[in-house]
């Protein structure tokens, strides 16, 4: 009997593959909403298809998203359009962990009694004695010395700022004006 999974709009491919792995059925229907994150990428769909082949399961993508259906078919998956007939015909199986309620005998009633009497140890604030040390103290050990070889990683000649390397030709940079001289202004 096929199993149906309803995928959230922002659900990642990892969780969809996890649902496929947990499924006990050989045929699985995955219902995606429009613009679902998984249907946006063909890489996601190919991962999904490859995982289904590894597990020996058949998957069917059900969606109203036209682009998602085209990508699913390109990835080699069976794609169907979502209709109301599909939602009525599909067997709804929800994977939820079964939770059994705790027996009432283990729950203690608290009808005005102090619960704090049952918590903690009796010598928490007391001046209890320290337990004796079972391990004798160790003698200090001198650290072992090791020599490390360091390699100079700087280049022999640093590259110039331009794309050409410096070839020893004089530079074409402007020379700065001397600092001590001021220009003279001559008035007529």
C-alpha atoms as a PDB file:
ATOM      1  CA  UNK A   1       0.000   0.000   0.000  1.00  0.00           C
ATOM      2  CA  UNK A   2       1.508   3.385  -0.949  1.00  0.00           C
ATOM      3  CA  UNK A   3       2.406   5.853   1.757  1.00  0.00           C
ATOM      4  CA  UNK A   4       1.737   9.594   1.387  1.00  0.00           C
ATOM      5  CA  UNK A   5       3.971  12.344   2.769  1.00  0.00           C
ATOM      6  CA  UNK A   6       2.986  16.010   2.845  1.00  0.00           C
ATOM      7  CA  UNK A   7       6.064  18.206   2.519  1.00  0.00           C
ATOM      8  CA  UNK A   8       6.296  21.762   3.890  1.00  0.00           C
ATOM      9  CA  UNK A   9       7.100  24.681   1.608  1.00  0.00           C
ATOM     10  CA  UNK A  10      10.487  25.422   3.235  1.00  0.00           C
ATOM     11  CA  UNK A  11      11.519  21.832   3.964  1.00  0.00           C
ATOM     12  CA  UNK A  12      15.054  20.859   2.906  1.00  0.00           C
ATOM     13  CA  UNK A  13      15.977  17.838   0.763  1.00  0.00           C
ATOM     14  CA  UNK A  14      17.708  16.194   3.746  1.00  0.00           C
ATOM     15  CA  UNK A  15      14.458  15.868   5.699  1.00  0.00           C
ATOM     16  CA  UNK A  16      12.555  14.642   2.616  1.00  0.00           C
ATOM     17  CA  UNK A  17      15.169  11.914   2.093  1.00  0.00           C
ATOM     18  CA  UNK A  18      14.895  11.099   5.802  1.00  0.00           C
ATOM     19  CA  UNK A  19      11.159  10.543   5.392  1.00  0.00           C
ATOM     20  CA  UNK A  20      11.839   8.254   2.442  1.00  0.00           C
ATOM     21  CA  UNK A  21      14.307   6.220   4.502  1.00  0.00           C
ATOM     22  CA  UNK A  22      11.832   5.855   7.400  1.00  0.00           C
ATOM     23  CA  UNK A  23       9.065   4.709   5.079  1.00  0.00           C
ATOM     24  CA  UNK A  24       8.210   1.017   5.183  1.00  0.00           C
ATOM     25  CA  UNK A  25       6.285   1.075   1.898  1.00  0.00           C
ATOM     26  CA  UNK A  26       7.754   0.311  -1.522  1.00  0.00           C
ATOM     27  CA  UNK A  27       5.681   3.028  -3.223  1.00  0.00           C
ATOM     28  CA  UNK A  28       5.678   6.531  -1.725  1.00  0.00           C
ATOM     29  CA  UNK A  29       3.763   9.655  -2.728  1.00  0.00           C
ATOM     30  CA  UNK A  30       5.330  13.005  -1.849  1.00  0.00           C
ATOM     31  CA  UNK A  31       2.912  15.945  -2.022  1.00  0.00           C
ATOM     32  CA  UNK A  32       4.673  19.291  -2.507  1.00  0.00           C
ATOM     33  CA  UNK A  33       3.034  22.746  -2.377  1.00  0.00           C
ATOM     34  CA  UNK A  34       3.628  25.387  -5.038  1.00  0.00           C
ATOM     35  CA  UNK A  35       7.120  26.931  -4.988  1.00  0.00           C
ATOM     36  CA  UNK A  36       8.452  24.266  -2.611  1.00  0.00           C
ATOM     37  CA  UNK A  37      12.162  24.593  -1.894  1.00  0.00           C
ATOM     38  CA  UNK A  38      12.951  21.020  -2.963  1.00  0.00           C
ATOM     39  CA  UNK A  39      11.277  21.459  -6.359  1.00  0.00           C
ATOM     40  CA  UNK A  40      13.359  24.558  -7.177  1.00  0.00           C
ATOM     41  CA  UNK A  41      16.540  22.628  -8.023  1.00  0.00           C
ATOM     42  CA  UNK A  42      17.120  19.671 -10.302  1.00  0.00           C
ATOM     43  CA  UNK A  43      20.111  18.728  -8.143  1.00  0.00           C
ATOM     44  CA  UNK A  44      17.770  18.158  -5.177  1.00  0.00           C
ATOM     45  CA  UNK A  45      15.475  16.008  -7.295  1.00  0.00           C
ATOM     46  CA  UNK A  46      18.345  13.927  -8.670  1.00  0.00           C
ATOM     47  CA  UNK A  47      19.620  13.301  -5.141  1.00  0.00           C
ATOM     48  CA  UNK A  48      16.100  12.272  -4.164  1.00  0.00           C
ATOM     49  CA  UNK A  49      15.793   9.922  -7.155  1.00  0.00           C
ATOM     50  CA  UNK A  50      19.236   8.374  -6.538  1.00  0.00           C
ATOM     51  CA  UNK A  51      18.393   7.706  -2.885  1.00  0.00           C
ATOM     52  CA  UNK A  52      15.106   6.054  -3.908  1.00  0.00           C
ATOM     53  CA  UNK A  53      16.995   3.771  -6.298  1.00  0.00           C
ATOM     54  CA  UNK A  54      19.469   2.816  -3.549  1.00  0.00           C
ATOM     55  CA  UNK A  55      16.602   1.914  -1.227  1.00  0.00           C
ATOM     56  CA  UNK A  56      14.667   0.095  -3.964  1.00  0.00           C
ATOM     57  CA  UNK A  57      11.613   2.324  -3.572  1.00  0.00           C
ATOM     58  CA  UNK A  58       9.370   4.005  -6.109  1.00  0.00           C
ATOM     59  CA  UNK A  59       8.490   7.642  -5.509  1.00  0.00           C
ATOM     60  CA  UNK A  60       5.809   9.790  -7.105  1.00  0.00           C
ATOM     61  CA  UNK A  61       5.921  13.583  -6.918  1.00  0.00           C
ATOM     62  CA  UNK A  62       2.481  15.180  -6.602  1.00  0.00           C
ATOM     63  CA  UNK A  63       2.258  18.958  -6.992  1.00  0.00           C
ATOM     64  CA  UNK A  64       0.427  21.850  -8.636  1.00  0.00           C
ATOM     65  CA  UNK A  65       3.731  23.555  -9.470  1.00  0.00           C
ATOM     66  CA  UNK A  66       4.267  23.326 -13.252  1.00  0.00           C
ATOM     67  CA  UNK A  67       7.992  24.126 -13.137  1.00  0.00           C
ATOM     68  CA  UNK A  68       8.493  21.629 -10.310  1.00  0.00           C
ATOM     69  CA  UNK A  69       6.737  18.904 -12.297  1.00  0.00           C
ATOM     70  CA  UNK A  70       8.937  19.557 -15.337  1.00  0.00           C
ATOM     71  CA  UNK A  71      12.110  19.416 -13.232  1.00  0.00           C
ATOM     72  CA  UNK A  72      10.934  16.201 -11.554  1.00  0.00           C
ATOM     73  CA  UNK A  73      10.316  14.577 -14.936  1.00  0.00           C
ATOM     74  CA  UNK A  74      13.761  15.731 -16.152  1.00  0.00           C
ATOM     75  CA  UNK A  75      15.317  14.110 -13.086  1.00  0.00           C
ATOM     76  CA  UNK A  76      13.609  10.813 -13.949  1.00  0.00           C
ATOM     77  CA  UNK A  77      10.849  10.905 -11.336  1.00  0.00           C
ATOM     78  CA  UNK A  78       7.177  10.178 -11.857  1.00  0.00           C
ATOM     79  CA  UNK A  79       5.181  13.389 -11.449  1.00  0.00           C
ATOM     80  CA  UNK A  80       1.420  13.835 -11.133  1.00  0.00           C
ATOM     81  CA  UNK A  81      -0.780  16.893 -10.884  1.00  0.00           C
ATOM     82  CA  UNK A  82      -2.430  17.433  -7.502  1.00  0.00           C
ATOM     83  CA  UNK A  83      -6.219  17.197  -7.685  1.00  0.00           C
ATOM     84  CA  UNK A  84      -9.012  16.821  -5.161  1.00  0.00           C
ATOM     85  CA  UNK A  85      -9.480  13.227  -6.322  1.00  0.00           C
ATOM     86  CA  UNK A  86      -5.920  12.429  -5.276  1.00  0.00           C
ATOM     87  CA  UNK A  87      -6.419  13.835  -1.780  1.00  0.00           C
ATOM     88  CA  UNK A  88      -9.582  11.769  -1.295  1.00  0.00           C
ATOM     89  CA  UNK A  89      -8.094   8.575  -2.728  1.00  0.00           C
ATOM     90  CA  UNK A  90      -4.783   8.779  -0.885  1.00  0.00           C
ATOM     91  CA  UNK A  91      -4.329   6.782   2.268  1.00  0.00           C
ATOM     92  CA  UNK A  92      -3.347   9.222   4.999  1.00  0.00           C
ATOM     93  CA  UNK A  93      -0.652   7.751   7.198  1.00  0.00           C
ATOM     94  CA  UNK A  94       0.986   9.991   9.752  1.00  0.00           C
ATOM     95  CA  UNK A  95       4.284   8.982  11.321  1.00  0.00           C
ATOM     96  CA  UNK A  96       4.012  10.122  14.925  1.00  0.00           C
ATOM     97  CA  UNK A  97       5.756   8.554  17.894  1.00  0.00           C
ATOM     98  CA  UNK A  98       3.443   6.865  20.313  1.00  0.00           C
ATOM     99  CA  UNK A  99       3.454   8.496  23.736  1.00  0.00           C
ATOM    100  CA  UNK A 100       2.142   6.534  26.664  1.00  0.00           C
ATOM    101  CA  UNK A 101       0.989   8.502  29.696  1.00  0.00           C
ATOM    102  CA  UNK A 102       2.880   7.946  32.939  1.00  0.00           C
ATOM    103  CA  UNK A 103       1.020   5.843  35.528  1.00  0.00           C
ATOM    104  CA  UNK A 104      -0.651   7.910  38.212  1.00  0.00           C
ATOM    105  CA  UNK A 105       1.106   5.995  40.992  1.00  0.00           C
ATOM    106  CA  UNK A 106       4.499   7.557  40.136  1.00  0.00           C
ATOM    107  CA  UNK A 107       3.199  11.140  40.302  1.00  0.00           C
ATOM    108  CA  UNK A 108       3.272  12.570  43.830  1.00  0.00           C
ATOM    109  CA  UNK A 109       0.445  14.922  44.708  1.00  0.00           C
ATOM    110  CA  UNK A 110       1.501  18.348  46.025  1.00  0.00           C
ATOM    111  CA  UNK A 111      -1.412  19.581  48.109  1.00  0.00           C
ATOM    112  CA  UNK A 112       0.317  22.300  50.101  1.00  0.00           C
ATOM    113  CA  UNK A 113       3.161  20.083  51.304  1.00  0.00           C
ATOM    114  CA  UNK A 114       6.747  21.204  50.820  1.00  0.00           C
ATOM    115  CA  UNK A 115       8.281  19.462  47.864  1.00  0.00           C
ATOM    116  CA  UNK A 116      11.709  20.937  48.553  1.00  0.00           C
ATOM    117  CA  UNK A 117      12.288  18.461  51.365  1.00  0.00           C
ATOM    118  CA  UNK A 118      12.722  15.695  48.797  1.00  0.00           C
ATOM    119  CA  UNK A 119      15.244  17.630  46.687  1.00  0.00           C
ATOM    120  CA  UNK A 120      19.029  17.790  47.151  1.00  0.00           C
ATOM    121  CA  UNK A 121      21.321  16.377  49.810  1.00  0.00           C
ATOM    122  CA  UNK A 122      21.262  16.961  53.533  1.00  0.00           C
ATOM    123  CA  UNK A 123      24.859  18.242  53.780  1.00  0.00           C
ATOM    124  CA  UNK A 124      24.742  20.780  50.937  1.00  0.00           C
ATOM    125  CA  UNK A 125      25.256  23.773  53.231  1.00  0.00           C
ATOM    126  CA  UNK A 126      26.994  21.799  55.945  1.00  0.00           C
ATOM    127  CA  UNK A 127      30.727  21.850  56.496  1.00  0.00           C
ATOM    128  CA  UNK A 128      31.336  18.314  55.365  1.00  0.00           C
ATOM    129  CA  UNK A 129      34.881  17.007  55.187  1.00  0.00           C
ATOM    130  CA  UNK A 130      36.758  16.596  51.957  1.00  0.00           C
ATOM    131  CA  UNK A 131      37.143  13.045  50.751  1.00  0.00           C
ATOM    132  CA  UNK A 132      40.743  11.819  50.966  1.00  0.00           C
ATOM    133  CA  UNK A 133      42.802  12.035  47.780  1.00  0.00           C
ATOM    134  CA  UNK A 134      43.283   8.640  46.240  1.00  0.00           C
ATOM    135  CA  UNK A 135      45.971   9.706  43.735  1.00  0.00           C
ATOM    136  CA  UNK A 136      49.351  10.832  45.102  1.00  0.00           C
ATOM    137  CA  UNK A 137      50.661  14.129  43.708  1.00  0.00           C
ATOM    138  CA  UNK A 138      53.004  13.774  40.739  1.00  0.00           C
ATOM    139  CA  UNK A 139      56.482  15.204  40.486  1.00  0.00           C
ATOM    140  CA  UNK A 140      56.831  18.053  37.992  1.00  0.00           C
ATOM    141  CA  UNK A 141      58.170  16.978  34.625  1.00  0.00           C
ATOM    142  CA  UNK A 142      60.393  19.240  32.539  1.00  0.00           C
ATOM    143  CA  UNK A 143      58.841  20.035  29.154  1.00  0.00           C
ATOM    144  CA  UNK A 144      60.536  18.429  26.192  1.00  0.00           C
ATOM    145  CA  UNK A 145      62.221  20.938  23.903  1.00  0.00           C
ATOM    146  CA  UNK A 146      61.790  20.722  20.187  1.00  0.00           C
ATOM    147  CA  UNK A 147      63.387  22.749  17.462  1.00  0.00           C
ATOM    148  CA  UNK A 148      61.219  23.914  14.623  1.00  0.00           C
ATOM    149  CA  UNK A 149      62.503  24.808  11.203  1.00  0.00           C
ATOM    150  CA  UNK A 150      61.038  28.036   9.878  1.00  0.00           C
ATOM    151  CA  UNK A 151      61.018  28.725   6.162  1.00  0.00           C
ATOM    152  CA  UNK A 152      61.171  32.263   4.825  1.00  0.00           C
ATOM    153  CA  UNK A 153      58.029  32.640   2.711  1.00  0.00           C
ATOM    154  CA  UNK A 154      58.601  36.177   1.424  1.00  0.00           C
ATOM    155  CA  UNK A 155      59.413  36.458  -2.289  1.00  0.00           C
ATOM    156  CA  UNK A 156      62.952  37.348  -3.360  1.00  0.00           C
ATOM    157  CA  UNK A 157      61.799  40.498  -5.177  1.00  0.00           C
ATOM    158  CA  UNK A 158      58.376  41.836  -4.311  1.00  0.00           C
ATOM    159  CA  UNK A 159      56.142  42.389  -7.327  1.00  0.00           C
ATOM    160  CA  UNK A 160      55.571  45.968  -8.445  1.00  0.00           C
ATOM    161  CA  UNK A 161      52.191  47.601  -8.308  1.00  0.00           C
ATOM    162  CA  UNK A 162      51.693  47.283 -12.058  1.00  0.00           C
ATOM    163  CA  UNK A 163      51.244  44.026 -13.853  1.00  0.00           C
ATOM    164  CA  UNK A 164      54.840  44.088 -15.188  1.00  0.00           C
ATOM    165  CA  UNK A 165      57.603  43.005 -12.871  1.00  0.00           C
ATOM    166  CA  UNK A 166      60.315  45.466 -11.945  1.00  0.00           C
ATOM    167  CA  UNK A 167      63.159  45.070 -14.410  1.00  0.00           C
ATOM    168  CA  UNK A 168      65.604  47.635 -13.011  1.00  0.00           C
ATOM    169  CA  UNK A 169      64.566  50.494 -15.342  1.00  0.00           C
ATOM    170  CA  UNK A 170      64.109  53.878 -13.695  1.00  0.00           C
ATOM    171  CA  UNK A 171      60.675  54.615 -12.443  1.00  0.00           C
ATOM    172  CA  UNK A 172      58.337  57.084 -14.156  1.00  0.00           C
ATOM    173  CA  UNK A 173      56.844  58.343 -10.908  1.00  0.00           C
ATOM    174  CA  UNK A 174      56.592  62.073 -10.200  1.00  0.00           C
ATOM    175  CA  UNK A 175      59.143  63.364  -7.723  1.00  0.00           C
ATOM    176  CA  UNK A 176      57.812  65.247  -4.712  1.00  0.00           C
ATOM    177  CA  UNK A 177      58.433  69.002  -4.488  1.00  0.00           C
ATOM    178  CA  UNK A 178      61.118  70.110  -2.029  1.00  0.00           C
ATOM    179  CA  UNK A 179      59.648  70.987   1.348  1.00  0.00           C
ATOM    180  CA  UNK A 180      61.782  74.004   2.298  1.00  0.00           C
ATOM    181  CA  UNK A 181      61.107  76.298  -0.694  1.00  0.00           C
ATOM    182  CA  UNK A 182      58.018  78.416  -1.121  1.00  0.00           C
ATOM    183  CA  UNK A 183      56.968  79.782  -4.487  1.00  0.00           C
ATOM    184  CA  UNK A 184      57.518  83.501  -4.945  1.00  0.00           C
ATOM    185  CA  UNK A 185      54.670  85.667  -6.106  1.00  0.00           C
ATOM    186  CA  UNK A 186      55.609  88.668  -8.260  1.00  0.00           C
ATOM    187  CA  UNK A 187      53.095  91.523  -8.415  1.00  0.00           C
ATOM    188  CA  UNK A 188      53.308  94.159 -11.225  1.00  0.00           C
END
